[in-house]
PDB file of all heavy atoms in Angstrom:
ATOM      1  N   ARG A   1      -9.853 -20.640  10.162  1.00  0.00           N
ATOM      2  CA  ARG A   1      -9.111 -21.889  10.130  1.00  0.00           C
ATOM      3  C   ARG A   1      -8.218 -21.953   8.899  1.00  0.00           C
ATOM      4  O   ARG A   1      -8.608 -21.558   7.802  1.00  0.00           O
ATOM      5  CB  ARG A   1     -10.065 -23.089  10.127  1.00  0.00           C
ATOM      6  CG  ARG A   1     -10.795 -23.302  11.436  1.00  0.00           C
ATOM      7  CD  ARG A   1     -11.733 -24.490  11.359  1.00  0.00           C
ATOM      8  NE  ARG A   1     -11.038 -25.718  11.052  1.00  0.00           N
ATOM      9  CZ  ARG A   1     -11.245 -26.464   9.966  1.00  0.00           C
ATOM     10  NH1 ARG A   1     -12.143 -26.085   9.079  1.00  0.00           N
ATOM     11  NH2 ARG A   1     -10.572 -27.577   9.768  1.00  0.00           N
ATOM     12  N   VAL A   2      -7.026 -22.500   9.085  1.00  0.00           N
ATOM     13  CA  VAL A   2      -6.059 -22.671   8.003  1.00  0.00           C
ATOM     14  C   VAL A   2      -5.585 -24.121   8.032  1.00  0.00           C
ATOM     15  O   VAL A   2      -5.190 -24.628   9.084  1.00  0.00           O
ATOM     16  CB  VAL A   2      -4.856 -21.721   8.152  1.00  0.00           C
ATOM     17  CG1 VAL A   2      -3.823 -21.990   7.051  1.00  0.00           C
ATOM     18  CG2 VAL A   2      -5.307 -20.266   8.106  1.00  0.00           C
ATOM     19  N   ILE A   3      -5.649 -24.795   6.891  1.00  0.00           N
ATOM     20  CA  ILE A   3      -5.133 -26.157   6.792  1.00  0.00           C
ATOM     21  C   ILE A   3      -4.232 -26.257   5.567  1.00  0.00           C
ATOM     22  O   ILE A   3      -4.319 -25.439   4.642  1.00  0.00           O
ATOM     23  CB  ILE A   3      -6.261 -27.217   6.706  1.00  0.00           C
ATOM     24  CG1 ILE A   3      -7.074 -27.034   5.418  1.00  0.00           C
ATOM     25  CG2 ILE A   3      -7.149 -27.164   7.924  1.00  0.00           C
ATOM     26  CD1 ILE A   3      -8.091 -28.152   5.194  1.00  0.00           C
ATOM     27  N   ASP A   4      -3.375 -27.266   5.567  1.00  0.00           N
ATOM     28  CA  ASP A   4      -2.492 -27.473   4.426  1.00  0.00           C
ATOM     29  C   ASP A   4      -2.972 -28.654   3.590  1.00  0.00           C
ATOM     30  O   ASP A   4      -4.025 -29.241   3.849  1.00  0.00           O
ATOM     31  CB  ASP A   4      -1.039 -27.670   4.890  1.00  0.00           C
ATOM     32  CG  ASP A   4      -0.884 -28.877   5.808  1.00  0.00           C
ATOM     33  OD1 ASP A   4      -1.885 -29.593   6.036  1.00  0.00           O
ATOM     34  OD2 ASP A   4       0.240 -29.104   6.297  1.00  0.00           O
ATOM     35  N   ARG A   5      -2.190 -29.009   2.580  1.00  0.00           N
ATOM     36  CA  ARG A   5      -2.577 -30.074   1.656  1.00  0.00           C
ATOM     37  C   ARG A   5      -2.721 -31.419   2.366  1.00  0.00           C
ATOM     38  O   ARG A   5      -3.675 -32.167   2.112  1.00  0.00           O
ATOM     39  CB  ARG A   5      -1.523 -30.167   0.536  1.00  0.00           C
ATOM     40  CG  ARG A   5      -1.803 -31.236  -0.507  1.00  0.00           C
ATOM     41  CD  ARG A   5      -0.643 -31.319  -1.479  1.00  0.00           C
ATOM     42  NE  ARG A   5      -0.836 -32.385  -2.466  1.00  0.00           N
ATOM     43  CZ  ARG A   5      -1.461 -32.244  -3.618  1.00  0.00           C
ATOM     44  NH1 ARG A   5      -1.978 -31.078  -3.951  1.00  0.00           N
ATOM     45  NH2 ARG A   5      -1.577 -33.250  -4.451  1.00  0.00           N
ATOM     46  N   THR A   6      -1.802 -31.709   3.270  1.00  0.00           N
ATOM     47  CA  THR A   6      -1.857 -32.982   3.990  1.00  0.00           C
ATOM     48  C   THR A   6      -3.131 -33.099   4.809  1.00  0.00           C
ATOM     49  O   THR A   6      -3.808 -34.140   4.791  1.00  0.00           O
ATOM     50  CB  THR A   6      -0.629 -33.127   4.897  1.00  0.00           C
ATOM     51  OG1 THR A   6       0.551 -33.160   4.086  1.00  0.00           O
ATOM     52  CG2 THR A   6      -0.706 -34.400   5.728  1.00  0.00           C
ATOM     53  N   SER A   7      -3.488 -32.059   5.545  1.00  0.00           N
ATOM     54  CA  SER A   7      -4.706 -32.082   6.355  1.00  0.00           C
ATOM     55  C   SER A   7      -5.944 -32.259   5.481  1.00  0.00           C
ATOM     56  O   SER A   7      -6.890 -32.956   5.865  1.00  0.00           O
ATOM     57  CB  SER A   7      -4.828 -30.792   7.171  1.00  0.00           C
ATOM     58  OG  SER A   7      -3.755 -30.659   8.080  1.00  0.00           O
ATOM     59  N   LEU A   8      -5.943 -31.637   4.307  1.00  0.00           N
ATOM     60  CA  LEU A   8      -7.081 -31.765   3.400  1.00  0.00           C
ATOM     61  C   LEU A   8      -7.231 -33.197   2.902  1.00  0.00           C
ATOM     62  O   LEU A   8      -8.339 -33.756   2.882  1.00  0.00           O
ATOM     63  CB  LEU A   8      -6.905 -30.808   2.217  1.00  0.00           C
ATOM     64  CG  LEU A   8      -7.987 -30.864   1.126  1.00  0.00           C
ATOM     65  CD1 LEU A   8      -9.352 -30.504   1.696  1.00  0.00           C
ATOM     66  CD2 LEU A   8      -7.627 -29.941  -0.034  1.00  0.00           C
ATOM     67  N   ILE A   9      -6.129 -33.833   2.509  1.00  0.00           N
ATOM     68  CA  ILE A   9      -6.188 -35.211   2.025  1.00  0.00           C
ATOM     69  C   ILE A   9      -6.639 -36.145   3.139  1.00  0.00           C
ATOM     70  O   ILE A   9      -7.452 -37.056   2.920  1.00  0.00           O
ATOM     71  CB  ILE A   9      -4.817 -35.629   1.460  1.00  0.00           C
ATOM     72  CG1 ILE A   9      -4.504 -34.818   0.194  1.00  0.00           C
ATOM     73  CG2 ILE A   9      -4.788 -37.122   1.149  1.00  0.00           C
ATOM     74  CD1 ILE A   9      -3.131 -35.078  -0.384  1.00  0.00           C
ATOM     75  N   LEU A  10      -6.135 -35.930   4.351  1.00  0.00           N
ATOM     76  CA  LEU A  10      -6.560 -36.755   5.480  1.00  0.00           C
ATOM     77  C   LEU A  10      -8.052 -36.598   5.743  1.00  0.00           C
ATOM     78  O   LEU A  10      -8.739 -37.570   6.086  1.00  0.00           O
ATOM     79  CB  LEU A  10      -5.765 -36.380   6.728  1.00  0.00           C
ATOM     80  CG  LEU A  10      -4.284 -36.788   6.741  1.00  0.00           C
ATOM     81  CD1 LEU A  10      -3.594 -36.191   7.961  1.00  0.00           C
ATOM     82  CD2 LEU A  10      -4.146 -38.296   6.744  1.00  0.00           C
ATOM     83  N   ASP A  11      -8.562 -35.383   5.583  1.00  0.00           N
ATOM     84  CA  ASP A  11      -9.988 -35.141   5.801  1.00  0.00           C
ATOM     85  C   ASP A  11     -10.830 -35.875   4.753  1.00  0.00           C
ATOM     86  O   ASP A  11     -11.879 -36.450   5.064  1.00  0.00           O
ATOM     87  CB  ASP A  11     -10.267 -33.637   5.749  1.00  0.00           C
ATOM     88  CG  ASP A  11     -11.667 -33.295   6.235  1.00  0.00           C
ATOM     89  OD1 ASP A  11     -11.885 -33.371   7.454  1.00  0.00           O
ATOM     90  OD2 ASP A  11     -12.530 -32.962   5.405  1.00  0.00           O
ATOM     91  N   ILE A  12     -10.362 -35.892   3.503  1.00  0.00           N
ATOM     92  CA  ILE A  12     -11.079 -36.604   2.447  1.00  0.00           C
ATOM     93  C   ILE A  12     -11.065 -38.108   2.721  1.00  0.00           C
ATOM     94  O   ILE A  12     -12.087 -38.798   2.558  1.00  0.00           O
ATOM     95  CB  ILE A  12     -10.453 -36.297   1.071  1.00  0.00           C
ATOM     96  CG1 ILE A  12     -10.618 -34.806   0.742  1.00  0.00           C
ATOM     97  CG2 ILE A  12     -11.089 -37.143  -0.019  1.00  0.00           C
ATOM     98  CD1 ILE A  12      -9.890 -34.381  -0.512  1.00  0.00           C
ATOM     99  N   PHE A  13      -9.928 -38.615   3.157  1.00  0.00           N
ATOM    100  CA  PHE A  13      -9.846 -40.038   3.489  1.00  0.00           C
ATOM    101  C   PHE A  13     -10.814 -40.385   4.611  1.00  0.00           C
ATOM    102  O   PHE A  13     -11.434 -41.457   4.607  1.00  0.00           O
ATOM    103  CB  PHE A  13      -8.417 -40.404   3.894  1.00  0.00           C
ATOM    104  CG  PHE A  13      -7.550 -40.838   2.740  1.00  0.00           C
ATOM    105  CD1 PHE A  13      -7.348 -40.015   1.645  1.00  0.00           C
ATOM    106  CD2 PHE A  13      -6.953 -42.076   2.740  1.00  0.00           C
ATOM    107  CE1 PHE A  13      -6.568 -40.409   0.577  1.00  0.00           C
ATOM    108  CE2 PHE A  13      -6.168 -42.492   1.681  1.00  0.00           C
ATOM    109  CZ  PHE A  13      -5.975 -41.658   0.590  1.00  0.00           C
ATOM    110  N   ALA A  14     -10.945 -39.499   5.598  1.00  0.00           N
ATOM    111  CA  ALA A  14     -11.880 -39.750   6.699  1.00  0.00           C
ATOM    112  C   ALA A  14     -13.323 -39.788   6.201  1.00  0.00           C
ATOM    113  O   ALA A  14     -14.147 -40.560   6.704  1.00  0.00           O
ATOM    114  CB  ALA A  14     -11.720 -38.679   7.773  1.00  0.00           C
ATOM    115  N   LEU A  15     -13.639 -38.972   5.204  1.00  0.00           N
ATOM    116  CA  LEU A  15     -14.990 -38.969   4.642  1.00  0.00           C
ATOM    117  C   LEU A  15     -15.276 -40.232   3.841  1.00  0.00           C
ATOM    118  O   LEU A  15     -16.402 -40.739   3.831  1.00  0.00           O
ATOM    119  CB  LEU A  15     -15.179 -37.743   3.739  1.00  0.00           C
ATOM    120  CG  LEU A  15     -15.285 -36.375   4.409  1.00  0.00           C
ATOM    121  CD1 LEU A  15     -15.298 -35.276   3.349  1.00  0.00           C
ATOM    122  CD2 LEU A  15     -16.547 -36.300   5.255  1.00  0.00           C
ATOM    123  N   ARG A  16     -14.264 -40.768   3.155  1.00  0.00           N
ATOM    124  CA  ARG A  16     -14.471 -41.875   2.222  1.00  0.00           C
ATOM    125  C   ARG A  16     -14.365 -43.255   2.877  1.00  0.00           C
ATOM    126  O   ARG A  16     -14.886 -44.231   2.343  1.00  0.00           O
ATOM    127  CB  ARG A  16     -13.451 -41.799   1.088  1.00  0.00           C
ATOM    128  CG  ARG A  16     -13.531 -40.519   0.268  1.00  0.00           C
ATOM    129  CD  ARG A  16     -14.649 -40.569  -0.746  1.00  0.00           C
ATOM    130  NE  ARG A  16     -14.529 -39.449  -1.667  1.00  0.00           N
ATOM    131  CZ  ARG A  16     -15.094 -38.279  -1.468  1.00  0.00           C
ATOM    132  NH1 ARG A  16     -15.852 -38.084  -0.397  1.00  0.00           N
ATOM    133  NH2 ARG A  16     -14.935 -37.296  -2.341  1.00  0.00           N
ATOM    134  N   ALA A  17     -13.655 -43.370   4.000  1.00  0.00           N
ATOM    135  CA  ALA A  17     -13.414 -44.686   4.595  1.00  0.00           C
ATOM    136  C   ALA A  17     -14.737 -45.347   4.974  1.00  0.00           C
ATOM    137  O   ALA A  17     -15.583 -44.740   5.630  1.00  0.00           O
ATOM    138  CB  ALA A  17     -12.509 -44.554   5.815  1.00  0.00           C
ATOM    139  N   GLN A  18     -14.906 -46.607   4.593  1.00  0.00           N
ATOM    140  CA  GLN A  18     -16.128 -47.352   4.871  1.00  0.00           C
ATOM    141  C   GLN A  18     -15.889 -48.557   5.774  1.00  0.00           C
ATOM    142  O   GLN A  18     -16.662 -48.803   6.696  1.00  0.00           O
ATOM    143  CB  GLN A  18     -16.766 -47.824   3.551  1.00  0.00           C
ATOM    144  CG  GLN A  18     -17.190 -46.695   2.629  1.00  0.00           C
ATOM    145  CD  GLN A  18     -18.312 -45.854   3.211  1.00  0.00           C
ATOM    146  OE1 GLN A  18     -19.195 -46.375   3.892  1.00  0.00           O
ATOM    147  NE2 GLN A  18     -18.287 -44.560   2.952  1.00  0.00           N
ATOM    148  N   SER A  19     -14.846 -49.317   5.509  1.00  0.00           N
ATOM    149  CA  SER A  19     -14.585 -50.515   6.310  1.00  0.00           C
ATOM    150  C   SER A  19     -13.979 -50.136   7.652  1.00  0.00           C
ATOM    151  O   SER A  19     -13.428 -49.044   7.823  1.00  0.00           O
ATOM    152  CB  SER A  19     -13.637 -51.456   5.559  1.00  0.00           C
ATOM    153  OG  SER A  19     -12.343 -50.890   5.469  1.00  0.00           O
ATOM    154  N   SER A  20     -14.059 -51.060   8.599  1.00  0.00           N
ATOM    155  CA  SER A  20     -13.484 -50.800   9.920  1.00  0.00           C
ATOM    156  C   SER A  20     -11.970 -50.631   9.833  1.00  0.00           C
ATOM    157  O   SER A  20     -11.390 -49.777  10.511  1.00  0.00           O
ATOM    158  CB  SER A  20     -13.824 -51.947  10.876  1.00  0.00           C
ATOM    159  OG  SER A  20     -13.357 -53.178  10.369  1.00  0.00           O
ATOM    160  N   GLU A  21     -11.330 -51.425   8.976  1.00  0.00           N
ATOM    161  CA  GLU A  21      -9.879 -51.297   8.826  1.00  0.00           C
ATOM    162  C   GLU A  21      -9.509 -49.952   8.215  1.00  0.00           C
ATOM    163  O   GLU A  21      -8.554 -49.295   8.654  1.00  0.00           O
ATOM    164  CB  GLU A  21      -9.335 -52.429   7.952  1.00  0.00           C
ATOM    165  CG  GLU A  21      -7.819 -52.395   7.812  1.00  0.00           C
ATOM    166  CD  GLU A  21      -7.293 -53.524   6.951  1.00  0.00           C
ATOM    167  OE1 GLU A  21      -8.106 -54.219   6.315  1.00  0.00           O
ATOM    168  OE2 GLU A  21      -6.062 -53.713   6.908  1.00  0.00           O
ATOM    169  N   GLY A  22     -10.265 -49.525   7.207  1.00  0.00           N
ATOM    170  CA  GLY A  22      -9.990 -48.231   6.596  1.00  0.00           C
ATOM    171  C   GLY A  22     -10.141 -47.086   7.577  1.00  0.00           C
ATOM    172  O   GLY A  22      -9.329 -46.150   7.600  1.00  0.00           O
ATOM    173  N   LYS A  23     -11.160 -47.150   8.420  1.00  0.00           N
ATOM    174  CA  LYS A  23     -11.364 -46.100   9.412  1.00  0.00           C
ATOM    175  C   LYS A  23     -10.230 -46.075  10.436  1.00  0.00           C
ATOM    176  O   LYS A  23      -9.787 -44.994  10.859  1.00  0.00           O
ATOM    177  CB  LYS A  23     -12.708 -46.297  10.110  1.00  0.00           C
ATOM    178  CG  LYS A  23     -13.908 -46.070   9.194  1.00  0.00           C
ATOM    179  CD  LYS A  23     -15.219 -46.374   9.900  1.00  0.00           C
ATOM    180  CE  LYS A  23     -16.407 -46.168   8.964  1.00  0.00           C
ATOM    181  NZ  LYS A  23     -17.701 -46.488   9.614  1.00  0.00           N
ATOM    182  N   LEU A  24      -9.765 -47.258  10.842  1.00  0.00           N
ATOM    183  CA  LEU A  24      -8.645 -47.307  11.783  1.00  0.00           C
ATOM    184  C   LEU A  24      -7.381 -46.733  11.159  1.00  0.00           C
ATOM    185  O   LEU A  24      -6.626 -45.994  11.812  1.00  0.00           O
ATOM    186  CB  LEU A  24      -8.398 -48.754  12.215  1.00  0.00           C
ATOM    187  CG  LEU A  24      -9.444 -49.403  13.127  1.00  0.00           C
ATOM    188  CD1 LEU A  24      -9.095 -50.867  13.366  1.00  0.00           C
ATOM    189  CD2 LEU A  24      -9.545 -48.664  14.453  1.00  0.00           C
ATOM    190  N   GLN A  25      -7.132 -47.054   9.896  1.00  0.00           N
ATOM    191  CA  GLN A  25      -5.944 -46.557   9.213  1.00  0.00           C
ATOM    192  C   GLN A  25      -5.971 -45.034   9.080  1.00  0.00           C
ATOM    193  O   GLN A  25      -4.958 -44.364   9.296  1.00  0.00           O
ATOM    194  CB  GLN A  25      -5.825 -47.223   7.841  1.00  0.00           C
ATOM    195  CG  GLN A  25      -5.478 -48.701   7.905  1.00  0.00           C
ATOM    196  CD  GLN A  25      -5.605 -49.386   6.561  1.00  0.00           C
ATOM    197  OE1 GLN A  25      -6.484 -49.065   5.765  1.00  0.00           O
ATOM    198  NE2 GLN A  25      -4.733 -50.342   6.292  1.00  0.00           N
ATOM    199  N   VAL A  26      -7.127 -44.495   8.723  1.00  0.00           N
ATOM    200  CA  VAL A  26      -7.239 -43.049   8.575  1.00  0.00           C
ATOM    201  C   VAL A  26      -7.077 -42.358   9.925  1.00  0.00           C
ATOM    202  O   VAL A  26      -6.392 -41.329  10.037  1.00  0.00           O
ATOM    203  CB  VAL A  26      -8.595 -42.676   7.934  1.00  0.00           C
ATOM    204  CG1 VAL A  26      -8.793 -41.174   7.958  1.00  0.00           C
ATOM    205  CG2 VAL A  26      -8.661 -43.183   6.502  1.00  0.00           C
TER     206      VAL A  26
END
């Protein structure tokens, strides 16, 4: 698998999101 910087940041955001709004945004 190969990912770029954007995909990595999105993955971190998905791990950190706690609220329902945050999860929807991510």
